[in-house]
Amino acid sequence: MSPRAIIAAAEWTLGLDRAEGAPQAPLHEAQCTTCGESSGATEGQRLPAEVWALKHTGLRPGHRSFRAVQVSFWRTAPAPGNPYAGTALPSGEVGGG
């Protein structure tokens, strides 16, 4: 592993990841906390996860607790004045922006 420089005073911005291939809307999923089954994730729509949870309970009346999962993807970017502003990612790192 090679040492990396630490820039203590550099400013960064944080926002939704708009890079090509990144989901453009939050992912929604329901997970049964009794058995661990999942609705599977849907992009931008929570209704399918909600309907799945209701159907799951209908088929298994003892399964009444669910974990609602919503996932958004973020990306950091160098703010103006940051030494990395306008530069490409260091070699070997994945991403874009």
C-alpha atoms as a PDB file:
ATOM      1  CA  MET A   1       0.000   0.000   0.000  1.00  0.00           C
ATOM      2  CA  SER A   2       1.373   3.390  -0.922  1.00  0.00           C
ATOM      3  CA  PRO A   3       1.052   6.447   1.318  1.00  0.00           C
ATOM      4  CA  ARG A   4      -1.394   9.139   0.263  1.00  0.00           C
ATOM      5  CA  ALA A   5      -1.320  12.844   0.977  1.00  0.00           C
ATOM      6  CA  ILE A   6      -3.888  14.276   3.335  1.00  0.00           C
ATOM      7  CA  ILE A   7      -5.290  17.667   2.442  1.00  0.00           C
ATOM      8  CA  ALA A   8      -6.579  19.036   5.731  1.00  0.00           C
ATOM      9  CA  ALA A   9      -8.228  22.229   4.471  1.00  0.00           C
ATOM     10  CA  ALA A  10      -9.721  21.118   1.157  1.00  0.00           C
ATOM     11  CA  GLU A  11     -13.448  21.676   0.687  1.00  0.00           C
ATOM     12  CA  TRP A  12     -15.725  19.112  -0.940  1.00  0.00           C
ATOM     13  CA  THR A  13     -19.352  19.067  -1.997  1.00  0.00           C
ATOM     14  CA  LEU A  14     -21.775  16.189  -1.520  1.00  0.00           C
ATOM     15  CA  GLY A  15     -24.831  15.526  -3.653  1.00  0.00           C
ATOM     16  CA  LEU A  16     -26.835  12.904  -5.470  1.00  0.00           C
ATOM     17  CA  ASP A  17     -24.795  10.778  -7.837  1.00  0.00           C
ATOM     18  CA  ARG A  18     -25.780  11.768 -11.373  1.00  0.00           C
ATOM     19  CA  ALA A  19     -23.028   9.743 -13.043  1.00  0.00           C
ATOM     20  CA  GLU A  20     -23.920   7.448 -15.912  1.00  0.00           C
ATOM     21  CA  GLY A  21     -25.215   4.120 -14.602  1.00  0.00           C
ATOM     22  CA  ALA A  22     -26.079   5.395 -11.117  1.00  0.00           C
ATOM     23  CA  PRO A  23     -29.753   5.037 -10.152  1.00  0.00           C
ATOM     24  CA  GLN A  24     -31.416   8.408 -10.643  1.00  0.00           C
ATOM     25  CA  ALA A  25     -34.152   7.806  -8.057  1.00  0.00           C
ATOM     26  CA  PRO A  26     -34.025   6.160  -4.619  1.00  0.00           C
ATOM     27  CA  LEU A  27     -34.301   2.383  -4.427  1.00  0.00           C
ATOM     28  CA  HIS A  28     -37.139   1.049  -2.235  1.00  0.00           C
ATOM     29  CA  GLU A  29     -37.323  -2.394  -0.658  1.00  0.00           C
ATOM     30  CA  ALA A  30     -39.250  -4.160   2.117  1.00  0.00           C
ATOM     31  CA  GLN A  31     -37.640  -6.901   4.194  1.00  0.00           C
ATOM     32  CA  CYS A  32     -39.564  -9.229   6.496  1.00  0.00           C
ATOM     33  CA  THR A  33     -37.878  -9.160   9.901  1.00  0.00           C
ATOM     34  CA  THR A  34     -39.413 -12.542  10.777  1.00  0.00           C
ATOM     35  CA  CYS A  35     -38.033 -14.653   7.923  1.00  0.00           C
ATOM     36  CA  GLY A  36     -35.695 -12.325   6.030  1.00  0.00           C
ATOM     37  CA  GLU A  37     -37.531 -12.495   2.701  1.00  0.00           C
ATOM     38  CA  SER A  38     -37.375  -9.351   0.593  1.00  0.00           C
ATOM     39  CA  SER A  39     -39.519  -7.601  -1.964  1.00  0.00           C
ATOM     40  CA  GLY A  40     -36.496  -6.824  -4.084  1.00  0.00           C
ATOM     41  CA  ALA A  41     -35.527  -3.242  -4.846  1.00  0.00           C
ATOM     42  CA  THR A  42     -37.469  -0.979  -7.184  1.00  0.00           C
ATOM     43  CA  GLU A  43     -36.125   2.319  -8.479  1.00  0.00           C
ATOM     44  CA  GLY A  44     -38.206   5.365  -7.636  1.00  0.00           C
ATOM     45  CA  GLN A  45     -41.363   3.513  -6.595  1.00  0.00           C
ATOM     46  CA  ARG A  46     -42.176   2.432  -3.055  1.00  0.00           C
ATOM     47  CA  LEU A  47     -45.640   1.048  -3.822  1.00  0.00           C
ATOM     48  CA  PRO A  48     -44.345  -2.356  -5.063  1.00  0.00           C
ATOM     49  CA  ALA A  49     -42.494  -2.875  -1.752  1.00  0.00           C
ATOM     50  CA  GLU A  50     -45.576  -1.868   0.245  1.00  0.00           C
ATOM     51  CA  VAL A  51     -47.850  -4.204  -1.738  1.00  0.00           C
ATOM     52  CA  TRP A  52     -45.327  -7.031  -1.336  1.00  0.00           C
ATOM     53  CA  ALA A  53     -45.312  -6.549   2.462  1.00  0.00           C
ATOM     54  CA  LEU A  54     -49.111  -6.699   2.622  1.00  0.00           C
ATOM     55  CA  LYS A  55     -49.236  -9.831   0.438  1.00  0.00           C
ATOM     56  CA  HIS A  56     -46.448 -11.428   2.479  1.00  0.00           C
ATOM     57  CA  THR A  57     -48.434 -10.936   5.687  1.00  0.00           C
ATOM     58  CA  GLY A  58     -51.565 -12.245   3.956  1.00  0.00           C
ATOM     59  CA  LEU A  59     -49.736 -15.488   3.144  1.00  0.00           C
ATOM     60  CA  ARG A  60     -47.957 -15.652   6.521  1.00  0.00           C
ATOM     61  CA  PRO A  61     -50.166 -13.967   9.175  1.00  0.00           C
ATOM     62  CA  GLY A  62     -47.444 -14.184  11.834  1.00  0.00           C
ATOM     63  CA  HIS A  63     -45.041 -12.092   9.725  1.00  0.00           C
ATOM     64  CA  ARG A  64     -46.080  -8.554  10.622  1.00  0.00           C
ATOM     65  CA  SER A  65     -42.825  -6.657  11.002  1.00  0.00           C
ATOM     66  CA  PHE A  66     -40.859  -5.248   8.074  1.00  0.00           C
ATOM     67  CA  ARG A  67     -37.772  -3.173   7.507  1.00  0.00           C
ATOM     68  CA  ALA A  68     -38.371  -0.401   4.962  1.00  0.00           C
ATOM     69  CA  VAL A  69     -35.136   0.292   3.105  1.00  0.00           C
ATOM     70  CA  GLN A  70     -34.573   3.379   0.973  1.00  0.00           C
ATOM     71  CA  VAL A  71     -31.204   3.811  -0.687  1.00  0.00           C
ATOM     72  CA  SER A  72     -29.885   6.899  -2.460  1.00  0.00           C
ATOM     73  CA  PHE A  73     -26.469   7.200  -4.060  1.00  0.00           C
ATOM     74  CA  TRP A  74     -24.214  10.161  -3.308  1.00  0.00           C
ATOM     75  CA  ARG A  75     -21.057  11.482  -4.878  1.00  0.00           C
ATOM     76  CA  THR A  76     -18.445  13.867  -3.554  1.00  0.00           C
ATOM     77  CA  ALA A  77     -16.810  16.467  -5.778  1.00  0.00           C
ATOM     78  CA  PRO A  78     -14.019  18.940  -5.155  1.00  0.00           C
ATOM     79  CA  ALA A  79     -15.356  22.419  -4.366  1.00  0.00           C
ATOM     80  CA  PRO A  80     -13.871  25.455  -6.127  1.00  0.00           C
ATOM     81  CA  GLY A  81     -10.445  26.101  -4.659  1.00  0.00           C
ATOM     82  CA  ASN A  82      -9.872  22.440  -3.786  1.00  0.00           C
ATOM     83  CA  PRO A  83      -6.566  21.257  -5.314  1.00  0.00           C
ATOM     84  CA  TYR A  84      -8.465  18.356  -6.935  1.00  0.00           C
ATOM     85  CA  ALA A  85     -10.976  20.631  -8.714  1.00  0.00           C
ATOM     86  CA  GLY A  86     -10.808  20.020 -12.451  1.00  0.00           C
ATOM     87  CA  THR A  87      -8.602  16.935 -12.146  1.00  0.00           C
ATOM     88  CA  ALA A  88      -9.333  13.342 -13.043  1.00  0.00           C
ATOM     89  CA  LEU A  89      -9.601  10.630 -10.423  1.00  0.00           C
ATOM     90  CA  PRO A  90      -6.264   9.223  -9.251  1.00  0.00           C
ATOM     91  CA  SER A  91      -5.107   6.172 -11.193  1.00  0.00           C
ATOM     92  CA  GLY A  92      -6.767   2.938 -10.079  1.00  0.00           C
ATOM     93  CA  GLU A  93      -9.863   4.593  -8.571  1.00  0.00           C
ATOM     94  CA  VAL A  94     -13.295   3.891 -10.013  1.00  0.00           C
ATOM     95  CA  GLY A  95     -15.943   6.511 -10.612  1.00  0.00           C
ATOM     96  CA  GLY A  96     -16.504   9.675 -12.507  1.00  0.00           C
ATOM     97  CA  GLY A  97     -18.183  12.900 -12.008  1.00  0.00           C
END
